[in-house]
N, C-alpha and C. Protein backbone atom coordinates (compact mmCIF):
# COMPACT_ATOMS: atom_id res chain seq x y z
N ASP A 1 1.28 16.62 13.40
CA ASP A 1 2.26 17.60 13.87
C ASP A 1 3.14 17.02 14.99
N LEU A 2 2.55 16.20 15.84
CA LEU A 2 3.32 15.55 16.90
C LEU A 2 4.37 14.62 16.31
N ALA A 3 4.01 13.92 15.25
CA ALA A 3 4.97 13.04 14.58
C ALA A 3 6.14 13.86 14.03
N TYR A 4 5.84 15.01 13.44
CA TYR A 4 6.89 15.90 12.93
C TYR A 4 7.82 16.34 14.04
N LYS A 5 7.26 16.70 15.18
CA LYS A 5 8.07 17.14 16.32
C LYS A 5 9.02 16.04 16.78
N ASN A 6 8.67 14.79 16.49
CA ASN A 6 9.50 13.66 16.89
C ASN A 6 10.29 13.07 15.72
N ASN A 7 10.43 13.87 14.66
CA ASN A 7 11.25 13.50 13.49
C ASN A 7 10.84 12.19 12.84
N LEU A 8 9.54 11.96 12.77
CA LEU A 8 9.03 10.76 12.12
C LEU A 8 8.54 11.10 10.71
N LYS A 9 8.58 10.10 9.84
CA LYS A 9 7.94 10.23 8.54
C LYS A 9 6.48 9.81 8.72
N ILE A 10 5.60 10.44 7.98
CA ILE A 10 4.16 10.20 8.13
C ILE A 10 3.62 9.70 6.80
N LEU A 11 2.76 8.69 6.88
CA LEU A 11 2.07 8.17 5.71
C LEU A 11 0.58 8.34 5.95
N ILE A 12 -0.06 9.17 5.13
CA ILE A 12 -1.51 9.32 5.19
C ILE A 12 -2.10 8.43 4.10
N ASN A 13 -3.08 7.62 4.48
CA ASN A 13 -3.73 6.80 3.46
C ASN A 13 -5.23 6.79 3.67
N VAL A 14 -5.92 6.32 2.64
CA VAL A 14 -7.35 6.07 2.74
C VAL A 14 -7.48 4.60 3.12
N HIS A 15 -8.00 4.37 4.31
CA HIS A 15 -8.04 3.04 4.92
C HIS A 15 -9.49 2.64 5.16
N HIS A 16 -9.82 1.41 4.87
CA HIS A 16 -11.17 0.87 5.11
C HIS A 16 -12.26 1.59 4.32
N PHE A 17 -11.97 1.99 3.10
CA PHE A 17 -12.98 2.55 2.22
C PHE A 17 -13.61 1.36 1.49
N ASP A 18 -14.41 0.60 2.21
CA ASP A 18 -14.95 -0.66 1.70
C ASP A 18 -15.87 -0.47 0.49
N SER A 19 -16.59 0.62 0.44
CA SER A 19 -17.51 0.85 -0.68
C SER A 19 -16.79 0.80 -2.02
N ILE A 20 -15.61 1.40 -2.09
CA ILE A 20 -14.89 1.41 -3.37
C ILE A 20 -14.36 0.03 -3.73
N MET A 21 -14.15 -0.81 -2.72
CA MET A 21 -13.67 -2.16 -2.99
C MET A 21 -14.75 -3.00 -3.68
N TYR A 22 -15.99 -2.75 -3.34
CA TYR A 22 -17.10 -3.52 -3.92
C TYR A 22 -17.67 -2.88 -5.18
N GLU A 23 -17.61 -1.54 -5.25
CA GLU A 23 -18.15 -0.83 -6.42
C GLU A 23 -17.16 0.24 -6.88
N PRO A 24 -16.04 -0.20 -7.47
CA PRO A 24 -15.00 0.75 -7.86
C PRO A 24 -15.47 1.85 -8.80
N ASP A 25 -16.30 1.50 -9.77
CA ASP A 25 -16.75 2.52 -10.73
C ASP A 25 -17.60 3.59 -10.05
N LYS A 26 -18.42 3.17 -9.13
CA LYS A 26 -19.34 4.09 -8.45
C LYS A 26 -18.60 5.06 -7.53
N TYR A 27 -17.51 4.61 -6.90
CA TYR A 27 -16.87 5.43 -5.86
C TYR A 27 -15.51 6.00 -6.25
N SER A 28 -15.05 5.77 -7.48
CA SER A 28 -13.73 6.27 -7.85
C SER A 28 -13.65 7.80 -7.84
N GLU A 29 -14.71 8.46 -8.26
CA GLU A 29 -14.69 9.93 -8.25
C GLU A 29 -14.69 10.46 -6.81
N LYS A 30 -15.35 9.76 -5.92
CA LYS A 30 -15.33 10.17 -4.51
C LYS A 30 -13.91 10.07 -3.94
N LEU A 31 -13.21 8.97 -4.27
CA LEU A 31 -11.83 8.84 -3.81
C LEU A 31 -10.96 9.95 -4.39
N ASN A 32 -11.14 10.24 -5.66
CA ASN A 32 -10.37 11.32 -6.29
C ASN A 32 -10.65 12.66 -5.60
N SER A 33 -11.90 12.92 -5.28
CA SER A 33 -12.27 14.15 -4.58
C SER A 33 -11.65 14.21 -3.18
N MET A 34 -11.62 13.06 -2.51
CA MET A 34 -10.98 13.01 -1.18
C MET A 34 -9.51 13.40 -1.28
N TRP A 35 -8.83 12.86 -2.30
CA TRP A 35 -7.41 13.16 -2.45
C TRP A 35 -7.17 14.61 -2.88
N ASN A 36 -8.09 15.19 -3.59
CA ASN A 36 -7.98 16.61 -3.89
C ASN A 36 -7.99 17.42 -2.59
N GLN A 37 -8.89 17.06 -1.70
CA GLN A 37 -8.97 17.76 -0.41
C GLN A 37 -7.75 17.48 0.47
N ILE A 38 -7.34 16.22 0.54
CA ILE A 38 -6.20 15.85 1.39
C ILE A 38 -4.92 16.52 0.89
N SER A 39 -4.67 16.43 -0.41
CA SER A 39 -3.42 17.00 -0.94
C SER A 39 -3.41 18.52 -0.82
N THR A 40 -4.55 19.15 -0.92
CA THR A 40 -4.63 20.60 -0.73
C THR A 40 -4.38 20.96 0.73
N ALA A 41 -4.99 20.22 1.63
CA ALA A 41 -4.84 20.50 3.07
C ALA A 41 -3.40 20.34 3.54
N PHE A 42 -2.66 19.42 2.94
CA PHE A 42 -1.30 19.12 3.39
C PHE A 42 -0.22 19.61 2.42
N LYS A 43 -0.57 20.50 1.51
CA LYS A 43 0.37 20.91 0.47
C LYS A 43 1.61 21.62 1.00
N ASP A 44 1.51 22.24 2.17
CA ASP A 44 2.65 22.99 2.69
C ASP A 44 3.55 22.16 3.61
N TYR A 45 3.21 20.90 3.81
CA TYR A 45 4.08 20.02 4.62
C TYR A 45 5.28 19.60 3.78
N ASP A 46 6.39 19.35 4.46
CA ASP A 46 7.59 18.96 3.72
C ASP A 46 7.50 17.51 3.25
N ASN A 47 8.59 17.04 2.68
CA ASN A 47 8.59 15.72 2.05
C ASN A 47 8.72 14.56 3.03
N ASN A 48 8.60 14.82 4.32
CA ASN A 48 8.51 13.75 5.31
C ASN A 48 7.09 13.22 5.41
N LEU A 49 6.18 13.83 4.69
CA LEU A 49 4.79 13.39 4.64
C LEU A 49 4.57 12.69 3.31
N TYR A 50 4.15 11.43 3.39
CA TYR A 50 3.87 10.62 2.20
C TYR A 50 2.37 10.37 2.12
N PHE A 51 1.92 10.03 0.93
CA PHE A 51 0.53 9.63 0.72
C PHE A 51 0.49 8.19 0.20
N GLU A 52 -0.49 7.45 0.63
CA GLU A 52 -0.82 6.14 0.05
C GLU A 52 -2.27 6.24 -0.40
N ILE A 53 -2.50 6.13 -1.69
CA ILE A 53 -3.82 6.42 -2.25
C ILE A 53 -4.92 5.53 -1.69
N LEU A 54 -4.67 4.23 -1.62
CA LEU A 54 -5.72 3.31 -1.17
C LEU A 54 -5.08 2.11 -0.50
N ASN A 55 -5.40 1.92 0.77
CA ASN A 55 -4.85 0.81 1.52
C ASN A 55 -5.52 -0.51 1.15
N GLU A 56 -4.70 -1.49 0.82
CA GLU A 56 -5.11 -2.86 0.58
C GLU A 56 -6.31 -3.04 -0.36
N PRO A 57 -6.17 -2.66 -1.62
CA PRO A 57 -7.25 -2.89 -2.58
C PRO A 57 -7.60 -4.38 -2.66
N LYS A 58 -8.90 -4.66 -2.72
CA LYS A 58 -9.35 -6.06 -2.73
C LYS A 58 -10.75 -6.15 -3.31
N GLU A 59 -11.40 -7.27 -3.11
CA GLU A 59 -12.77 -7.56 -3.56
C GLU A 59 -12.92 -7.36 -5.06
N ASN A 60 -13.70 -6.38 -5.51
CA ASN A 60 -13.97 -6.15 -6.93
C ASN A 60 -13.01 -5.16 -7.58
N MET A 61 -11.99 -4.78 -6.87
CA MET A 61 -11.00 -3.85 -7.42
C MET A 61 -10.00 -4.67 -8.24
N SER A 62 -10.17 -4.64 -9.54
CA SER A 62 -9.29 -5.38 -10.44
C SER A 62 -8.01 -4.58 -10.70
N VAL A 63 -7.04 -5.25 -11.29
CA VAL A 63 -5.79 -4.57 -11.66
C VAL A 63 -6.10 -3.40 -12.58
N GLY A 64 -6.92 -3.63 -13.60
CA GLY A 64 -7.24 -2.57 -14.56
C GLY A 64 -7.93 -1.39 -13.91
N LYS A 65 -8.92 -1.65 -13.09
CA LYS A 65 -9.65 -0.57 -12.42
C LYS A 65 -8.74 0.20 -11.47
N LEU A 66 -7.90 -0.53 -10.73
CA LEU A 66 -7.00 0.12 -9.79
C LEU A 66 -5.98 0.99 -10.51
N ASN A 67 -5.42 0.48 -11.58
CA ASN A 67 -4.40 1.24 -12.30
C ASN A 67 -4.97 2.51 -12.94
N ILE A 68 -6.18 2.44 -13.46
CA ILE A 68 -6.85 3.64 -14.00
C ILE A 68 -7.11 4.64 -12.87
N LEU A 69 -7.57 4.13 -11.74
CA LEU A 69 -7.82 4.97 -10.57
C LEU A 69 -6.54 5.65 -10.10
N TYR A 70 -5.46 4.88 -9.99
CA TYR A 70 -4.19 5.46 -9.55
C TYR A 70 -3.73 6.56 -10.49
N GLU A 71 -3.81 6.32 -11.77
CA GLU A 71 -3.37 7.33 -12.74
C GLU A 71 -4.14 8.63 -12.54
N LYS A 72 -5.43 8.53 -12.34
CA LYS A 72 -6.28 9.72 -12.16
C LYS A 72 -5.95 10.44 -10.85
N VAL A 73 -5.86 9.69 -9.76
CA VAL A 73 -5.62 10.30 -8.45
C VAL A 73 -4.22 10.91 -8.38
N ILE A 74 -3.24 10.27 -8.98
CA ILE A 74 -1.89 10.84 -9.00
C ILE A 74 -1.92 12.21 -9.67
N LYS A 75 -2.61 12.33 -10.78
CA LYS A 75 -2.72 13.64 -11.45
C LYS A 75 -3.37 14.68 -10.53
N THR A 76 -4.37 14.27 -9.79
CA THR A 76 -5.03 15.18 -8.85
C THR A 76 -4.07 15.62 -7.76
N ILE A 77 -3.35 14.68 -7.17
CA ILE A 77 -2.39 15.01 -6.11
C ILE A 77 -1.30 15.92 -6.64
N ARG A 78 -0.82 15.67 -7.84
CA ARG A 78 0.29 16.44 -8.39
C ARG A 78 -0.09 17.90 -8.68
N LYS A 79 -1.35 18.24 -8.68
CA LYS A 79 -1.75 19.65 -8.86
C LYS A 79 -1.30 20.50 -7.68
N THR A 80 -1.22 19.90 -6.49
CA THR A 80 -0.83 20.66 -5.29
C THR A 80 0.45 20.14 -4.66
N SER A 81 0.84 18.94 -4.98
CA SER A 81 1.99 18.30 -4.32
C SER A 81 2.88 17.63 -5.36
N THR A 82 3.67 18.43 -6.05
CA THR A 82 4.45 17.91 -7.17
C THR A 82 5.60 16.99 -6.74
N GLU A 83 6.13 17.20 -5.54
CA GLU A 83 7.28 16.42 -5.09
C GLU A 83 6.94 15.40 -4.01
N ARG A 84 5.70 15.34 -3.60
CA ARG A 84 5.30 14.43 -2.53
C ARG A 84 5.46 12.97 -2.94
N LYS A 85 5.99 12.14 -2.05
CA LYS A 85 6.08 10.71 -2.29
C LYS A 85 4.68 10.11 -2.20
N ILE A 86 4.34 9.29 -3.19
CA ILE A 86 3.05 8.61 -3.23
C ILE A 86 3.33 7.11 -3.28
N ALA A 87 2.79 6.39 -2.32
CA ALA A 87 2.95 4.94 -2.25
C ALA A 87 1.77 4.26 -2.93
N LEU A 88 2.07 3.27 -3.75
CA LEU A 88 1.04 2.54 -4.48
C LEU A 88 1.14 1.05 -4.19
N GLY A 89 0.08 0.51 -3.59
CA GLY A 89 0.01 -0.92 -3.33
C GLY A 89 -0.97 -1.57 -4.29
N GLY A 90 -0.75 -2.81 -4.59
CA GLY A 90 -1.57 -3.51 -5.57
C GLY A 90 -2.76 -4.24 -4.98
N ILE A 91 -3.43 -4.98 -5.86
CA ILE A 91 -4.64 -5.70 -5.47
C ILE A 91 -4.30 -6.84 -4.50
N PHE A 92 -5.35 -7.50 -4.03
CA PHE A 92 -5.23 -8.61 -3.07
C PHE A 92 -4.48 -8.18 -1.81
N TRP A 93 -4.95 -7.09 -1.22
CA TRP A 93 -4.42 -6.58 0.04
C TRP A 93 -2.97 -6.13 -0.09
N SER A 94 -2.59 -5.69 -1.27
CA SER A 94 -1.23 -5.19 -1.52
C SER A 94 -0.16 -6.24 -1.22
N ASN A 95 -0.44 -7.49 -1.58
CA ASN A 95 0.55 -8.53 -1.30
C ASN A 95 1.77 -8.37 -2.21
N PHE A 96 2.83 -9.09 -1.88
CA PHE A 96 4.09 -8.92 -2.60
C PHE A 96 3.93 -9.19 -4.10
N ALA A 97 3.11 -10.16 -4.48
CA ALA A 97 2.96 -10.51 -5.90
C ALA A 97 2.32 -9.39 -6.70
N SER A 98 1.52 -8.56 -6.04
CA SER A 98 0.84 -7.46 -6.74
C SER A 98 1.79 -6.37 -7.20
N THR A 99 3.02 -6.39 -6.71
CA THR A 99 3.99 -5.39 -7.17
C THR A 99 4.24 -5.51 -8.67
N ALA A 100 3.99 -6.69 -9.23
CA ALA A 100 4.22 -6.90 -10.67
C ALA A 100 3.19 -6.18 -11.53
N THR A 101 1.98 -5.98 -11.01
CA THR A 101 0.90 -5.43 -11.83
C THR A 101 0.47 -4.03 -11.42
N THR A 102 1.13 -3.46 -10.43
CA THR A 102 0.75 -2.12 -9.96
C THR A 102 1.28 -1.05 -10.91
N PHE A 103 0.40 -0.14 -11.29
CA PHE A 103 0.74 0.96 -12.18
C PHE A 103 1.75 1.90 -11.53
N VAL A 104 2.77 2.23 -12.28
CA VAL A 104 3.74 3.25 -11.87
C VAL A 104 3.96 4.16 -13.07
N PRO A 105 3.64 5.45 -12.93
CA PRO A 105 3.87 6.37 -14.06
C PRO A 105 5.36 6.47 -14.38
N LYS A 106 5.67 6.49 -15.65
CA LYS A 106 7.07 6.50 -16.07
C LYS A 106 7.78 7.82 -15.80
N ASP A 107 7.04 8.90 -15.75
CA ASP A 107 7.67 10.22 -15.62
C ASP A 107 7.62 10.79 -14.21
N ASP A 108 7.31 9.97 -13.22
CA ASP A 108 7.18 10.46 -11.84
C ASP A 108 8.14 9.68 -10.94
N LYS A 109 9.20 10.34 -10.51
CA LYS A 109 10.22 9.69 -9.68
C LYS A 109 9.89 9.74 -8.19
N ASN A 110 8.72 10.25 -7.85
CA ASN A 110 8.32 10.33 -6.44
C ASN A 110 7.23 9.31 -6.11
N ILE A 111 7.32 8.18 -6.78
CA ILE A 111 6.39 7.07 -6.53
C ILE A 111 7.15 5.98 -5.77
N ILE A 112 6.46 5.38 -4.84
CA ILE A 112 7.00 4.25 -4.08
C ILE A 112 6.09 3.05 -4.32
N LEU A 113 6.66 1.94 -4.69
CA LEU A 113 5.91 0.70 -4.81
C LEU A 113 5.80 0.11 -3.41
N LEU A 114 4.58 -0.22 -3.02
CA LEU A 114 4.32 -0.66 -1.65
C LEU A 114 3.73 -2.07 -1.64
N PHE A 115 4.14 -2.85 -0.64
CA PHE A 115 3.48 -4.13 -0.41
C PHE A 115 3.37 -4.36 1.09
N ASN A 116 2.37 -5.15 1.47
CA ASN A 116 2.18 -5.55 2.86
C ASN A 116 2.58 -7.01 2.98
N TYR A 117 3.07 -7.40 4.14
CA TYR A 117 3.58 -8.76 4.28
C TYR A 117 3.18 -9.36 5.62
N TYR A 118 2.52 -10.52 5.55
CA TYR A 118 2.03 -11.19 6.75
C TYR A 118 2.30 -12.69 6.77
N ASN A 119 3.44 -13.11 6.27
CA ASN A 119 3.77 -14.53 6.33
C ASN A 119 4.81 -14.78 7.41
N PRO A 120 4.73 -15.91 8.09
CA PRO A 120 3.69 -16.94 8.03
C PRO A 120 2.40 -16.45 8.71
N PHE A 121 1.31 -16.62 8.00
CA PHE A 121 0.01 -16.05 8.37
C PHE A 121 -0.48 -16.50 9.75
N GLU A 122 -0.34 -17.77 10.06
CA GLU A 122 -0.82 -18.29 11.34
C GLU A 122 -0.04 -17.69 12.51
N PHE A 123 1.17 -17.25 12.26
CA PHE A 123 1.97 -16.59 13.29
C PHE A 123 1.59 -15.11 13.41
N THR A 124 1.51 -14.43 12.28
CA THR A 124 1.28 -12.98 12.31
C THR A 124 -0.15 -12.61 12.65
N HIS A 125 -1.08 -13.54 12.44
CA HIS A 125 -2.50 -13.22 12.68
C HIS A 125 -3.12 -14.02 13.82
N GLN A 126 -2.29 -14.54 14.70
CA GLN A 126 -2.85 -15.30 15.81
C GLN A 126 -3.70 -14.37 16.68
N GLY A 127 -4.92 -14.81 16.93
CA GLY A 127 -5.84 -14.04 17.76
C GLY A 127 -6.49 -12.86 17.06
N ALA A 128 -6.28 -12.69 15.75
CA ALA A 128 -6.87 -11.56 15.02
C ALA A 128 -8.38 -11.73 14.97
N SER A 129 -9.11 -10.77 15.46
CA SER A 129 -10.57 -10.87 15.56
C SER A 129 -11.24 -10.98 14.19
N TRP A 130 -10.60 -10.53 13.14
CA TRP A 130 -11.20 -10.52 11.81
C TRP A 130 -10.86 -11.77 10.98
N VAL A 131 -10.13 -12.73 11.58
CA VAL A 131 -9.74 -13.94 10.88
C VAL A 131 -10.35 -15.15 11.59
N ASP A 132 -11.23 -15.86 10.88
CA ASP A 132 -11.86 -17.05 11.45
C ASP A 132 -10.81 -18.08 11.86
N GLY A 133 -10.97 -18.60 13.07
CA GLY A 133 -10.08 -19.65 13.57
C GLY A 133 -8.75 -19.17 14.11
N SER A 134 -8.51 -17.87 14.09
CA SER A 134 -7.20 -17.37 14.52
C SER A 134 -6.95 -17.54 16.01
N GLY A 135 -8.02 -17.71 16.77
CA GLY A 135 -7.85 -17.96 18.20
C GLY A 135 -7.11 -19.27 18.46
N ASP A 136 -7.27 -20.21 17.55
CA ASP A 136 -6.58 -21.50 17.68
C ASP A 136 -5.07 -21.36 17.52
N TRP A 137 -4.62 -20.27 16.94
CA TRP A 137 -3.20 -20.08 16.70
C TRP A 137 -2.50 -19.33 17.83
N GLU A 138 -3.26 -18.85 18.81
CA GLU A 138 -2.66 -18.06 19.89
C GLU A 138 -1.55 -18.84 20.58
N GLY A 139 -0.44 -18.17 20.81
CA GLY A 139 0.72 -18.79 21.42
C GLY A 139 1.68 -19.40 20.42
N THR A 140 1.36 -19.27 19.13
CA THR A 140 2.23 -19.81 18.08
C THR A 140 3.57 -19.08 18.10
N THR A 141 4.62 -19.85 18.08
CA THR A 141 5.96 -19.28 17.94
C THR A 141 6.47 -19.66 16.56
N TRP A 142 7.45 -18.94 16.09
CA TRP A 142 7.98 -19.24 14.77
C TRP A 142 9.47 -19.04 14.77
N ILE A 143 10.16 -20.08 14.43
CA ILE A 143 11.61 -20.01 14.24
C ILE A 143 11.89 -20.09 12.75
N GLY A 144 11.11 -20.92 12.07
CA GLY A 144 11.22 -21.03 10.62
C GLY A 144 12.18 -22.11 10.18
N THR A 145 11.68 -22.96 9.31
CA THR A 145 12.55 -23.95 8.68
C THR A 145 13.33 -23.25 7.58
N GLU A 146 14.34 -23.90 7.07
CA GLU A 146 15.11 -23.32 5.96
C GLU A 146 14.20 -23.08 4.76
N GLU A 147 13.29 -24.00 4.51
CA GLU A 147 12.36 -23.85 3.39
C GLU A 147 11.46 -22.62 3.58
N GLU A 148 10.96 -22.43 4.79
CA GLU A 148 10.10 -21.26 5.07
C GLU A 148 10.89 -19.96 4.93
N LYS A 149 12.10 -19.95 5.42
CA LYS A 149 12.94 -18.76 5.32
C LYS A 149 13.27 -18.46 3.85
N GLN A 150 13.52 -19.49 3.08
CA GLN A 150 13.80 -19.30 1.65
C GLN A 150 12.58 -18.74 0.93
N ARG A 151 11.40 -19.19 1.32
CA ARG A 151 10.16 -18.68 0.70
C ARG A 151 10.02 -17.18 0.97
N ILE A 152 10.25 -16.78 2.20
CA ILE A 152 10.16 -15.36 2.55
C ILE A 152 11.19 -14.55 1.76
N THR A 153 12.42 -15.06 1.71
CA THR A 153 13.47 -14.38 0.95
C THR A 153 13.08 -14.26 -0.52
N LYS A 154 12.55 -15.33 -1.08
CA LYS A 154 12.13 -15.33 -2.49
C LYS A 154 11.03 -14.30 -2.73
N GLU A 155 10.06 -14.21 -1.82
CA GLU A 155 8.97 -13.25 -1.97
C GLU A 155 9.47 -11.81 -1.85
N PHE A 156 10.36 -11.55 -0.92
CA PHE A 156 10.94 -10.21 -0.80
C PHE A 156 11.77 -9.88 -2.04
N ASP A 157 12.57 -10.84 -2.51
CA ASP A 157 13.38 -10.62 -3.71
C ASP A 157 12.50 -10.28 -4.91
N PHE A 158 11.36 -10.94 -5.02
CA PHE A 158 10.43 -10.66 -6.11
C PHE A 158 9.98 -9.21 -6.07
N ALA A 159 9.57 -8.73 -4.90
CA ALA A 159 9.12 -7.34 -4.76
C ALA A 159 10.26 -6.36 -5.06
N VAL A 160 11.45 -6.67 -4.60
CA VAL A 160 12.62 -5.81 -4.87
C VAL A 160 12.86 -5.73 -6.38
N GLU A 161 12.79 -6.86 -7.06
CA GLU A 161 13.01 -6.90 -8.51
C GLU A 161 11.96 -6.07 -9.25
N GLN A 162 10.70 -6.15 -8.81
CA GLN A 162 9.64 -5.37 -9.45
C GLN A 162 9.90 -3.87 -9.30
N ALA A 163 10.33 -3.45 -8.13
CA ALA A 163 10.64 -2.04 -7.92
C ALA A 163 11.81 -1.61 -8.81
N LYS A 164 12.81 -2.45 -8.92
CA LYS A 164 13.95 -2.13 -9.80
C LYS A 164 13.49 -2.01 -11.25
N LEU A 165 12.66 -2.95 -11.70
CA LEU A 165 12.17 -2.90 -13.08
C LEU A 165 11.37 -1.63 -13.35
N LYS A 166 10.66 -1.15 -12.36
CA LYS A 166 9.82 0.04 -12.52
C LYS A 166 10.60 1.32 -12.21
N GLY A 167 11.81 1.18 -11.67
CA GLY A 167 12.66 2.33 -11.39
C GLY A 167 12.19 3.18 -10.21
N VAL A 168 11.59 2.53 -9.20
CA VAL A 168 11.09 3.26 -8.03
C VAL A 168 11.58 2.59 -6.74
N ASP A 169 11.41 3.31 -5.65
CA ASP A 169 11.72 2.75 -4.34
C ASP A 169 10.64 1.76 -3.93
N LEU A 170 10.95 0.96 -2.92
CA LEU A 170 10.04 -0.06 -2.42
C LEU A 170 9.81 0.16 -0.93
N MET A 171 8.60 -0.06 -0.48
CA MET A 171 8.26 0.12 0.93
C MET A 171 7.38 -1.05 1.40
N ILE A 172 7.65 -1.53 2.59
CA ILE A 172 6.71 -2.44 3.22
C ILE A 172 5.78 -1.56 4.05
N GLY A 173 4.50 -1.57 3.67
CA GLY A 173 3.53 -0.73 4.37
C GLY A 173 3.12 -1.29 5.70
N GLU A 174 2.56 -2.49 5.67
CA GLU A 174 2.17 -3.18 6.89
C GLU A 174 2.97 -4.47 6.95
N PHE A 175 3.34 -4.84 8.15
CA PHE A 175 4.22 -5.99 8.33
C PHE A 175 3.86 -6.64 9.64
N GLY A 176 3.75 -7.94 9.62
CA GLY A 176 3.39 -8.61 10.87
C GLY A 176 4.29 -9.77 11.14
């Protein structure tokens, strides 16, 4: 509500649900049930509130399992939130390349293709407690060579092209 008072858009997601990453079949119904509760609780909020079904799918979450899960959860959300924007990120921590394999329903124009971006990694993750050796990168600055800048441009262009092919908007969820 405070974000609304300050004219911000809000993205609610399921973050750090590690159990589903390791055992997708076992926990997919739990995730679906969570989204039933979340979408019901927030059904009266306007379209400045977005949902992201699952933050950074990884580990044992395959493309096939994730896409089946997304299809099911989208149907659950649409029972109470027909116009709500839903952001979908792909496997491998929702990296830019996963935009090619992320499921997007053909008949739903309120889907956003999402990717997270952390390149160059040694710059964006310097000192990150969850990354081995990242303390060695502290103080790293980055100006970028032409080759590095071209790589970033190429990766962004790839994600943009995937969103165009799927006919949806594109969002960078996390960025470092």
